[in-house]
Amino acid sequence: FVTKMPATISLIGDFFQIEYSKNFGVIFGLPMAKIVIILFALILIPT
């Protein structure tokens, strides 16, 4: 549903919003190779 939204929805002014974004990295969008992220997740979840 978020990918189909026409615009950002402000819930509490500019402080809290529903806004579609693409995160290609890890936490806070820090860059990392896709394969490393996937391998990390595949190890982390069972651990």
All heavy atoms as atom14 arrays in JSON, in Angstrom:
{
  "sequence": "FVTKMPATISLIGDFFQIEYSKNFGVIFGLPMAKIVIILFALILIPT",
  "atom14_mask": [
    [1, 1, 1, 1, 1, 1, 1, 1, 1, 1, 1, 0, 0, 0],
    [1, 1, 1, 1, 1, 1, 1, 0, 0, 0, 0, 0, 0, 0],
    [1, 1, 1, 1, 1, 1, 1, 0, 0, 0, 0, 0, 0, 0],
    [1, 1, 1, 1, 1, 1, 1, 1, 1, 0, 0, 0, 0, 0],
    [1, 1, 1, 1, 1, 1, 1, 1, 0, 0, 0, 0, 0, 0],
    [1, 1, 1, 1, 1, 1, 1, 0, 0, 0, 0, 0, 0, 0],
    [1, 1, 1, 1, 1, 0, 0, 0, 0, 0, 0, 0, 0, 0],
    [1, 1, 1, 1, 1, 1, 1, 0, 0, 0, 0, 0, 0, 0],
    [1, 1, 1, 1, 1, 1, 1, 1, 0, 0, 0, 0, 0, 0],
    [1, 1, 1, 1, 1, 1, 0, 0, 0, 0, 0, 0, 0, 0],
    [1, 1, 1, 1, 1, 1, 1, 1, 0, 0, 0, 0, 0, 0],
    [1, 1, 1, 1, 1, 1, 1, 1, 0, 0, 0, 0, 0, 0],
    [1, 1, 1, 1, 0, 0, 0, 0, 0, 0, 0, 0, 0, 0],
    [1, 1, 1, 1, 1, 1, 1, 1, 0, 0, 0, 0, 0, 0],
    [1, 1, 1, 1, 1, 1, 1, 1, 1, 1, 1, 0, 0, 0],
    [1, 1, 1, 1, 1, 1, 1, 1, 1, 1, 1, 0, 0, 0],
    [1, 1, 1, 1, 1, 1, 1, 1, 1, 0, 0, 0, 0, 0],
    [1, 1, 1, 1, 1, 1, 1, 1, 0, 0, 0, 0, 0, 0],
    [1, 1, 1, 1, 1, 1, 1, 1, 1, 0, 0, 0, 0, 0],
    [1, 1, 1, 1, 1, 1, 1, 1, 1, 1, 1, 1, 0, 0],
    [1, 1, 1, 1, 1, 1, 0, 0, 0, 0, 0, 0, 0, 0],
    [1, 1, 1, 1, 1, 1, 1, 1, 1, 0, 0, 0, 0, 0],
    [1, 1, 1, 1, 1, 1, 1, 1, 0, 0, 0, 0, 0, 0],
    [1, 1, 1, 1, 1, 1, 1, 1, 1, 1, 1, 0, 0, 0],
    [1, 1, 1, 1, 0, 0, 0, 0, 0, 0, 0, 0, 0, 0],
    [1, 1, 1, 1, 1, 1, 1, 0, 0, 0, 0, 0, 0, 0],
    [1, 1, 1, 1, 1, 1, 1, 1, 0, 0, 0, 0, 0, 0],
    [1, 1, 1, 1, 1, 1, 1, 1, 1, 1, 1, 0, 0, 0],
    [1, 1, 1, 1, 0, 0, 0, 0, 0, 0, 0, 0, 0, 0],
    [1, 1, 1, 1, 1, 1, 1, 1, 0, 0, 0, 0, 0, 0],
    [1, 1, 1, 1, 1, 1, 1, 0, 0, 0, 0, 0, 0, 0],
    [1, 1, 1, 1, 1, 1, 1, 1, 0, 0, 0, 0, 0, 0],
    [1, 1, 1, 1, 1, 0, 0, 0, 0, 0, 0, 0, 0, 0],
    [1, 1, 1, 1, 1, 1, 1, 1, 1, 0, 0, 0, 0, 0],
    [1, 1, 1, 1, 1, 1, 1, 1, 0, 0, 0, 0, 0, 0],
    [1, 1, 1, 1, 1, 1, 1, 0, 0, 0, 0, 0, 0, 0],
    [1, 1, 1, 1, 1, 1, 1, 1, 0, 0, 0, 0, 0, 0],
    [1, 1, 1, 1, 1, 1, 1, 1, 0, 0, 0, 0, 0, 0],
    [1, 1, 1, 1, 1, 1, 1, 1, 0, 0, 0, 0, 0, 0],
    [1, 1, 1, 1, 1, 1, 1, 1, 1, 1, 1, 0, 0, 0],
    [1, 1, 1, 1, 1, 0, 0, 0, 0, 0, 0, 0, 0, 0],
    [1, 1, 1, 1, 1, 1, 1, 1, 0, 0, 0, 0, 0, 0],
    [1, 1, 1, 1, 1, 1, 1, 1, 0, 0, 0, 0, 0, 0],
    [1, 1, 1, 1, 1, 1, 1, 1, 0, 0, 0, 0, 0, 0],
    [1, 1, 1, 1, 1, 1, 1, 1, 0, 0, 0, 0, 0, 0],
    [1, 1, 1, 1, 1, 1, 1, 0, 0, 0, 0, 0, 0, 0],
    [1, 1, 1, 1, 1, 1, 1, 0, 0, 0, 0, 0, 0, 0]
  ],
  "atom14_positions": [
    [[0.82, -1.21, 0.0], [0.0, 0.0, 0.0], [0.86, 1.26, 0.0], [0.52, 2.25, -0.65], [-0.98, 0.0, 1.17], [-2.16, -0.89, 0.95], [-2.39, -1.95, 1.8], [-3.02, -0.69, -0.12], [-3.48, -2.8, 1.58], [-4.1, -1.53, -0.34], [-4.33, -2.59, 0.52], [0.0, 0.0, 0.0], [0.0, 0.0, 0.0], [0.0, 0.0, 0.0]],
    [[1.97, 1.24, 0.71], [2.85, 2.41, 0.75], [3.43, 2.69, -0.63], [3.56, 3.85, -1.03], [3.97, 2.21, 1.81], [5.09, 3.21, 1.62], [3.39, 2.32, 3.2], [0.0, 0.0, 0.0], [0.0, 0.0, 0.0], [0.0, 0.0, 0.0], [0.0, 0.0, 0.0], [0.0, 0.0, 0.0], [0.0, 0.0, 0.0], [0.0, 0.0, 0.0]],
    [[3.77, 1.64, -1.37], [4.33, 1.86, -2.71], [3.31, 2.46, -3.67], [3.69, 3.03, -4.69], [4.89, 0.56, -3.32], [3.82, -0.37, -3.51], [5.98, -0.05, -2.47], [0.0, 0.0, 0.0], [0.0, 0.0, 0.0], [0.0, 0.0, 0.0], [0.0, 0.0, 0.0], [0.0, 0.0, 0.0], [0.0, 0.0, 0.0], [0.0, 0.0, 0.0]],
    [[2.03, 2.36, -3.35], [0.97, 2.9, -4.2], [0.49, 4.28, -3.76], [-0.35, 4.88, -4.41], [-0.24, 1.95, -4.23], [0.1, 0.55, -4.67], [0.66, 0.53, -6.07], [0.97, -0.88, -6.52], [1.81, -0.96, -7.69], [0.0, 0.0, 0.0], [0.0, 0.0, 0.0], [0.0, 0.0, 0.0], [0.0, 0.0, 0.0], [0.0, 0.0, 0.0]],
    [[1.04, 4.79, -2.65], [0.62, 6.11, -2.15], [1.06, 7.21, -3.12], [2.19, 7.18, -3.6], [1.27, 6.42, -0.79], [0.74, 5.66, 0.36], [1.44, 6.15, 1.97], [2.85, 7.14, 1.62], [0.0, 0.0, 0.0], [0.0, 0.0, 0.0], [0.0, 0.0, 0.0], [0.0, 0.0, 0.0], [0.0, 0.0, 0.0], [0.0, 0.0, 0.0]],
    [[0.18, 8.17, -3.38], [0.57, 9.26, -4.28], [1.51, 10.27, -3.63], [2.24, 10.97, -4.32], [-0.77, 9.92, -4.62], [-1.67, 9.56, -3.5], [-1.21, 8.23, -2.98], [0.0, 0.0, 0.0], [0.0, 0.0, 0.0], [0.0, 0.0, 0.0], [0.0, 0.0, 0.0], [0.0, 0.0, 0.0], [0.0, 0.0, 0.0], [0.0, 0.0, 0.0]],
    [[1.51, 10.37, -2.29], [2.34, 11.36, -1.62], [2.57, 10.95, -0.16], [1.94, 10.02, 0.35], [1.65, 12.73, -1.66], [0.0, 0.0, 0.0], [0.0, 0.0, 0.0], [0.0, 0.0, 0.0], [0.0, 0.0, 0.0], [0.0, 0.0, 0.0], [0.0, 0.0, 0.0], [0.0, 0.0, 0.0], [0.0, 0.0, 0.0], [0.0, 0.0, 0.0]],
    [[3.46, 11.67, 0.49], [3.73, 11.46, 1.91], [2.51, 11.84, 2.74], [1.82, 12.81, 2.44], [4.94, 12.33, 2.33], [6.08, 11.91, 1.58], [5.23, 12.2, 3.81], [0.0, 0.0, 0.0], [0.0, 0.0, 0.0], [0.0, 0.0, 0.0], [0.0, 0.0, 0.0], [0.0, 0.0, 0.0], [0.0, 0.0, 0.0], [0.0, 0.0, 0.0]],
    [[2.26, 11.08, 3.79], [1.16, 11.36, 4.7], [1.74, 11.84, 6.02], [2.51, 11.12, 6.66], [0.3, 10.11, 4.95], [-0.32, 9.62, 3.64], [-0.78, 10.39, 5.99], [-1.01, 8.28, 3.74], [0.0, 0.0, 0.0], [0.0, 0.0, 0.0], [0.0, 0.0, 0.0], [0.0, 0.0, 0.0], [0.0, 0.0, 0.0], [0.0, 0.0, 0.0]],
    [[1.42, 13.06, 6.41], [1.89, 13.61, 7.68], [0.93, 13.23, 8.79], [-0.26, 13.55, 8.72], [2.0, 15.13, 7.61], [3.0, 15.5, 6.7], [0.0, 0.0, 0.0], [0.0, 0.0, 0.0], [0.0, 0.0, 0.0], [0.0, 0.0, 0.0], [0.0, 0.0, 0.0], [0.0, 0.0, 0.0], [0.0, 0.0, 0.0], [0.0, 0.0, 0.0]],
    [[1.44, 12.53, 9.79], [0.61, 12.14, 10.93], [0.76, 13.12, 12.09], [-0.2, 13.45, 12.76], [0.94, 10.72, 11.37], [0.72, 9.64, 10.31], [1.2, 8.3, 10.8], [-0.73, 9.58, 9.9], [0.0, 0.0, 0.0], [0.0, 0.0, 0.0], [0.0, 0.0, 0.0], [0.0, 0.0, 0.0], [0.0, 0.0, 0.0], [0.0, 0.0, 0.0]],
    [[1.99, 13.58, 12.33], [2.27, 14.59, 13.35], [3.19, 15.62, 12.7], [4.41, 15.6, 12.9], [2.92, 13.97, 14.62], [2.05, 12.86, 15.2], [3.17, 15.07, 15.66], [2.69, 12.12, 16.37], [0.0, 0.0, 0.0], [0.0, 0.0, 0.0], [0.0, 0.0, 0.0], [0.0, 0.0, 0.0], [0.0, 0.0, 0.0], [0.0, 0.0, 0.0]],
    [[2.61, 16.46, 11.89], [3.39, 17.5, 11.2], [4.55, 16.89, 10.41], [4.39, 15.87, 9.75], [0.0, 0.0, 0.0], [0.0, 0.0, 0.0], [0.0, 0.0, 0.0], [0.0, 0.0, 0.0], [0.0, 0.0, 0.0], [0.0, 0.0, 0.0], [0.0, 0.0, 0.0], [0.0, 0.0, 0.0], [0.0, 0.0, 0.0], [0.0, 0.0, 0.0]],
    [[5.71, 17.55, 10.5], [6.91, 17.04, 9.85], [7.65, 16.04, 10.74], [8.65, 15.47, 10.32], [7.86, 18.19, 9.5], [7.31, 19.03, 8.36], [6.46, 18.53, 7.61], [7.74, 20.2, 8.23], [0.0, 0.0, 0.0], [0.0, 0.0, 0.0], [0.0, 0.0, 0.0], [0.0, 0.0, 0.0], [0.0, 0.0, 0.0], [0.0, 0.0, 0.0]],
    [[7.16, 15.83, 11.96], [7.86, 14.96, 12.89], [7.62, 13.47, 12.6], [8.54, 12.66, 12.65], [7.47, 15.26, 14.34], [8.13, 14.35, 15.33], [9.48, 14.47, 15.61], [7.41, 13.35, 15.95], [10.1, 13.62, 16.5], [8.02, 12.49, 16.84], [9.37, 12.63, 17.12], [0.0, 0.0, 0.0], [0.0, 0.0, 0.0], [0.0, 0.0, 0.0]],
    [[6.4, 13.09, 12.3], [6.07, 11.68, 12.07], [5.25, 11.55, 10.8], [4.14, 12.08, 10.72], [5.29, 11.11, 13.26], [5.01, 9.63, 13.17], [6.03, 8.72, 13.34], [3.74, 9.18, 12.9], [5.78, 7.35, 13.25], [3.48, 7.81, 12.81], [4.51, 6.9, 12.98], [0.0, 0.0, 0.0], [0.0, 0.0, 0.0], [0.0, 0.0, 0.0]],
    [[5.83, 10.87, 9.8], [5.18, 10.77, 8.5], [5.25, 9.35, 7.95], [6.16, 8.59, 8.3], [5.86, 11.71, 7.49], [5.85, 13.15, 7.89], [6.66, 14.0, 6.93], [7.63, 13.57, 6.37], [6.22, 15.25, 6.76], [0.0, 0.0, 0.0], [0.0, 0.0, 0.0], [0.0, 0.0, 0.0], [0.0, 0.0, 0.0], [0.0, 0.0, 0.0]],
    [[4.32, 9.04, 7.08], [4.37, 7.81, 6.3], [4.91, 8.23, 4.94], [4.27, 9.0, 4.21], [2.97, 7.15, 6.14], [2.35, 6.89, 7.5], [3.07, 5.9, 5.3], [3.11, 5.93, 8.39], [0.0, 0.0, 0.0], [0.0, 0.0, 0.0], [0.0, 0.0, 0.0], [0.0, 0.0, 0.0], [0.0, 0.0, 0.0], [0.0, 0.0, 0.0]],
    [[6.09, 7.77, 4.61], [6.8, 8.22, 3.41], [7.53, 7.04, 2.78], [8.39, 6.43, 3.4], [7.79, 9.31, 3.8], [8.64, 9.81, 2.69], [9.64, 10.86, 3.18], [10.55, 10.51, 3.95], [9.46, 12.02, 2.79], [0.0, 0.0, 0.0], [0.0, 0.0, 0.0], [0.0, 0.0, 0.0], [0.0, 0.0, 0.0], [0.0, 0.0, 0.0]],
    [[7.2, 6.71, 1.57], [7.82, 5.6, 0.86], [9.27, 5.9, 0.55], [9.6, 6.93, 0.0], [7.04, 5.31, -0.42], [7.68, 4.3, -1.34], [8.04, 3.04, -0.88], [7.91, 4.6, -2.68], [8.62, 2.11, -1.73], [8.48, 3.68, -3.54], [8.84, 2.43, -3.06], [9.4, 1.51, -3.89], [0.0, 0.0, 0.0], [0.0, 0.0, 0.0]],
    [[10.14, 4.97, 0.92], [11.55, 5.09, 0.54], [12.14, 3.7, 0.32], [11.65, 2.71, 0.85], [12.35, 5.86, 1.6], [12.44, 5.13, 2.79], [0.0, 0.0, 0.0], [0.0, 0.0, 0.0], [0.0, 0.0, 0.0], [0.0, 0.0, 0.0], [0.0, 0.0, 0.0], [0.0, 0.0, 0.0], [0.0, 0.0, 0.0], [0.0, 0.0, 0.0]],
    [[13.19, 3.68, -0.47], [13.89, 2.43, -0.8], [15.2, 2.4, -0.02], [16.0, 3.33, -0.14], [14.17, 2.35, -2.29], [12.94, 2.37, -3.14], [13.28, 2.44, -4.62], [12.03, 2.53, -5.47], [12.35, 2.62, -6.9], [0.0, 0.0, 0.0], [0.0, 0.0, 0.0], [0.0, 0.0, 0.0], [0.0, 0.0, 0.0], [0.0, 0.0, 0.0]],
    [[15.41, 1.36, 0.75], [16.64, 1.22, 1.53], [17.5, 0.14, 0.9], [17.21, -1.05, 1.03], [16.3, 0.88, 2.99], [17.52, 0.83, 3.88], [18.65, 0.86, 3.41], [17.29, 0.76, 5.17], [0.0, 0.0, 0.0], [0.0, 0.0, 0.0], [0.0, 0.0, 0.0], [0.0, 0.0, 0.0], [0.0, 0.0, 0.0], [0.0, 0.0, 0.0]],
    [[18.56, 0.55, 0.23], [19.46, -0.39, -0.43], [20.57, -0.86, 0.51], [21.28, -1.81, 0.21], [20.09, 0.25, -1.67], [19.1, 0.48, -2.78], [18.44, 1.69, -2.89], [18.82, -0.51, -3.68], [17.51, 1.91, -3.91], [17.9, -0.31, -4.7], [17.25, 0.91, -4.81], [0.0, 0.0, 0.0], [0.0, 0.0, 0.0], [0.0, 0.0, 0.0]],
    [[20.71, -0.19, 1.64], [21.78, -0.52, 2.57], [21.28, -1.31, 3.76], [20.32, -2.08, 3.67], [0.0, 0.0, 0.0], [0.0, 0.0, 0.0], [0.0, 0.0, 0.0], [0.0, 0.0, 0.0], [0.0, 0.0, 0.0], [0.0, 0.0, 0.0], [0.0, 0.0, 0.0], [0.0, 0.0, 0.0], [0.0, 0.0, 0.0], [0.0, 0.0, 0.0]],
    [[21.95, -1.11, 4.89], [21.55, -1.75, 6.13], [20.96, -0.7, 7.05], [20.43, 0.29, 6.57], [22.74, -2.5, 6.79], [23.12, -3.72, 5.98], [23.94, -1.61, 6.98], [0.0, 0.0, 0.0], [0.0, 0.0, 0.0], [0.0, 0.0, 0.0], [0.0, 0.0, 0.0], [0.0, 0.0, 0.0], [0.0, 0.0, 0.0], [0.0, 0.0, 0.0]],
    [[21.1, -0.84, 8.32], [20.51, 0.09, 9.29], [20.82, 1.54, 8.91], [21.95, 1.89, 8.6], [20.97, -0.26, 10.71], [20.21, 0.54, 11.74], [22.46, -0.09, 10.86], [20.39, 0.05, 13.16], [0.0, 0.0, 0.0], [0.0, 0.0, 0.0], [0.0, 0.0, 0.0], [0.0, 0.0, 0.0], [0.0, 0.0, 0.0], [0.0, 0.0, 0.0]],
    [[19.78, 2.35, 8.89], [19.84, 3.76, 8.52], [20.37, 3.99, 7.11], [20.86, 5.05, 6.78], [20.69, 4.57, 9.52], [20.27, 4.38, 10.94], [21.19, 3.98, 11.9], [18.96, 4.58, 11.33], [20.8, 3.8, 13.21], [18.56, 4.4, 12.65], [19.49, 4.0, 13.59], [0.0, 0.0, 0.0], [0.0, 0.0, 0.0], [0.0, 0.0, 0.0]],
    [[20.28, 2.96, 6.26], [20.71, 3.1, 4.87], [22.2, 3.04, 4.65], [22.68, 3.38, 3.56], [0.0, 0.0, 0.0], [0.0, 0.0, 0.0], [0.0, 0.0, 0.0], [0.0, 0.0, 0.0], [0.0, 0.0, 0.0], [0.0, 0.0, 0.0], [0.0, 0.0, 0.0], [0.0, 0.0, 0.0], [0.0, 0.0, 0.0], [0.0, 0.0, 0.0]],
    [[22.97, 2.62, 5.66], [24.41, 2.51, 5.48], [24.71, 1.53, 4.35], [24.15, 0.44, 4.3], [25.09, 2.05, 6.77], [24.99, 3.02, 7.95], [25.54, 2.38, 9.22], [25.74, 4.3, 7.65], [0.0, 0.0, 0.0], [0.0, 0.0, 0.0], [0.0, 0.0, 0.0], [0.0, 0.0, 0.0], [0.0, 0.0, 0.0], [0.0, 0.0, 0.0]],
    [[25.6, 1.91, 3.45], [25.85, 1.07, 2.28], [26.58, -0.23, 2.64], [27.46, -0.27, 3.49], [26.72, 1.94, 1.38], [27.35, 2.94, 2.29], [26.4, 3.13, 3.43], [0.0, 0.0, 0.0], [0.0, 0.0, 0.0], [0.0, 0.0, 0.0], [0.0, 0.0, 0.0], [0.0, 0.0, 0.0], [0.0, 0.0, 0.0], [0.0, 0.0, 0.0]],
    [[26.18, -1.3, 1.95], [26.82, -2.6, 2.09], [26.39, -3.44, 0.9], [25.27, -3.3, 0.41], [26.42, -3.27, 3.41], [27.19, -4.55, 3.69], [26.77, -5.28, 5.29], [27.53, -4.13, 6.41], [0.0, 0.0, 0.0], [0.0, 0.0, 0.0], [0.0, 0.0, 0.0], [0.0, 0.0, 0.0], [0.0, 0.0, 0.0], [0.0, 0.0, 0.0]],
    [[27.25, -4.32, 0.44], [26.94, -5.17, -0.71], [25.72, -6.04, -0.41], [25.57, -6.57, 0.69], [28.13, -6.04, -1.05], [0.0, 0.0, 0.0], [0.0, 0.0, 0.0], [0.0, 0.0, 0.0], [0.0, 0.0, 0.0], [0.0, 0.0, 0.0], [0.0, 0.0, 0.0], [0.0, 0.0, 0.0], [0.0, 0.0, 0.0], [0.0, 0.0, 0.0]],
    [[24.84, -6.18, -1.41], [23.59, -6.93, -1.26], [23.85, -8.36, -0.78], [23.16, -8.84, 0.11], [22.83, -6.93, -2.58], [21.51, -7.65, -2.54], [20.82, -7.58, -3.89], [19.61, -8.44, -3.92], [18.96, -8.45, -5.23], [0.0, 0.0, 0.0], [0.0, 0.0, 0.0], [0.0, 0.0, 0.0], [0.0, 0.0, 0.0], [0.0, 0.0, 0.0]],
    [[24.85, -9.01, -1.34], [25.12, -10.41, -0.97], [25.55, -10.51, 0.49], [25.18, -11.45, 1.2], [26.16, -11.06, -1.92], [26.29, -12.56, -1.64], [27.52, -10.38, -1.81], [25.06, -13.36, -1.98], [0.0, 0.0, 0.0], [0.0, 0.0, 0.0], [0.0, 0.0, 0.0], [0.0, 0.0, 0.0], [0.0, 0.0, 0.0], [0.0, 0.0, 0.0]],
    [[26.29, -9.52, 0.98], [26.73, -9.51, 2.38], [25.51, -9.35, 3.29], [25.39, -10.04, 4.31], [27.76, -8.39, 2.63], [28.1, -8.27, 4.11], [29.02, -8.63, 1.81], [0.0, 0.0, 0.0], [0.0, 0.0, 0.0], [0.0, 0.0, 0.0], [0.0, 0.0, 0.0], [0.0, 0.0, 0.0], [0.0, 0.0, 0.0], [0.0, 0.0, 0.0]],
    [[24.59, -8.47, 2.91], [23.38, -8.25, 3.71], [22.56, -9.53, 3.77], [22.1, -9.94, 4.85], [22.54, -7.1, 3.11], [23.3, -5.78, 3.18], [21.2, -6.99, 3.83], [22.66, -4.65, 2.39], [0.0, 0.0, 0.0], [0.0, 0.0, 0.0], [0.0, 0.0, 0.0], [0.0, 0.0, 0.0], [0.0, 0.0, 0.0], [0.0, 0.0, 0.0]],
    [[22.38, -10.19, 2.64], [21.58, -11.41, 2.61], [22.25, -12.52, 3.41], [21.59, -13.21, 4.2], [21.31, -11.84, 1.14], [20.35, -10.83, 0.5], [20.76, -13.25, 1.07], [20.16, -11.0, -0.99], [0.0, 0.0, 0.0], [0.0, 0.0, 0.0], [0.0, 0.0, 0.0], [0.0, 0.0, 0.0], [0.0, 0.0, 0.0], [0.0, 0.0, 0.0]],
    [[23.54, -12.7, 3.24], [24.26, -13.72, 4.01], [24.19, -13.43, 5.5], [23.99, -14.35, 6.32], [25.72, -13.82, 3.55], [25.94, -14.46, 2.18], [27.4, -14.36, 1.77], [25.48, -15.91, 2.19], [0.0, 0.0, 0.0], [0.0, 0.0, 0.0], [0.0, 0.0, 0.0], [0.0, 0.0, 0.0], [0.0, 0.0, 0.0], [0.0, 0.0, 0.0]],
    [[24.35, -12.18, 5.87], [24.27, -11.79, 7.27], [22.9, -12.15, 7.84], [22.79, -12.72, 8.92], [24.55, -10.29, 7.42], [24.53, -9.81, 8.82], [25.55, -10.15, 9.7], [23.5, -9.0, 9.29], [25.54, -9.7, 11.01], [23.48, -8.55, 10.59], [24.51, -8.9, 11.46], [0.0, 0.0, 0.0], [0.0, 0.0, 0.0], [0.0, 0.0, 0.0]],
    [[21.84, -11.84, 7.1], [20.48, -12.15, 7.56], [20.26, -13.65, 7.67], [19.66, -14.14, 8.63], [19.45, -11.54, 6.62], [0.0, 0.0, 0.0], [0.0, 0.0, 0.0], [0.0, 0.0, 0.0], [0.0, 0.0, 0.0], [0.0, 0.0, 0.0], [0.0, 0.0, 0.0], [0.0, 0.0, 0.0], [0.0, 0.0, 0.0], [0.0, 0.0, 0.0]],
    [[20.77, -14.4, 6.69], [20.6, -15.85, 6.71], [21.35, -16.51, 7.86], [20.99, -17.59, 8.31], [21.03, -16.46, 5.37], [20.11, -16.12, 4.19], [20.71, -16.62, 2.88], [18.72, -16.7, 4.41], [0.0, 0.0, 0.0], [0.0, 0.0, 0.0], [0.0, 0.0, 0.0], [0.0, 0.0, 0.0], [0.0, 0.0, 0.0], [0.0, 0.0, 0.0]],
    [[22.38, -15.86, 8.34], [23.12, -16.37, 9.51], [22.49, -15.85, 10.8], [22.35, -16.58, 11.78], [24.61, -15.96, 9.43], [25.29, -16.69, 8.26], [25.33, -16.23, 10.74], [26.66, -16.16, 7.91], [0.0, 0.0, 0.0], [0.0, 0.0, 0.0], [0.0, 0.0, 0.0], [0.0, 0.0, 0.0], [0.0, 0.0, 0.0], [0.0, 0.0, 0.0]],
    [[22.1, -14.58, 10.8], [21.59, -13.95, 12.01], [20.25, -14.53, 12.48], [20.05, -14.75, 13.67], [21.45, -12.44, 11.79], [21.02, -11.62, 13.0], [22.08, -11.71, 14.09], [20.79, -10.18, 12.62], [0.0, 0.0, 0.0], [0.0, 0.0, 0.0], [0.0, 0.0, 0.0], [0.0, 0.0, 0.0], [0.0, 0.0, 0.0], [0.0, 0.0, 0.0]],
    [[19.34, -14.78, 11.57], [18.0, -15.26, 11.96], [18.08, -16.59, 12.69], [17.52, -16.72, 13.79], [17.05, -15.29, 10.74], [16.79, -13.86, 10.25], [15.73, -15.98, 11.1], [16.1, -13.77, 8.91], [0.0, 0.0, 0.0], [0.0, 0.0, 0.0], [0.0, 0.0, 0.0], [0.0, 0.0, 0.0], [0.0, 0.0, 0.0], [0.0, 0.0, 0.0]],
    [[18.76, -17.61, 12.16], [18.86, -18.87, 12.92], [19.64, -18.72, 14.23], [19.31, -19.37, 15.23], [19.58, -19.83, 11.98], [19.5, -19.23, 10.64], [19.32, -17.75, 10.83], [0.0, 0.0, 0.0], [0.0, 0.0, 0.0], [0.0, 0.0, 0.0], [0.0, 0.0, 0.0], [0.0, 0.0, 0.0], [0.0, 0.0, 0.0], [0.0, 0.0, 0.0]],
    [[20.65, -17.85, 14.23], [21.43, -17.64, 15.46], [20.56, -17.01, 16.54], [20.59, -17.46, 17.7], [22.65, -16.74, 15.16], [23.44, -17.37, 14.16], [23.49, -16.53, 16.41], [0.0, 0.0, 0.0], [0.0, 0.0, 0.0], [0.0, 0.0, 0.0], [0.0, 0.0, 0.0], [0.0, 0.0, 0.0], [0.0, 0.0, 0.0], [0.0, 0.0, 0.0]]
  ]
}
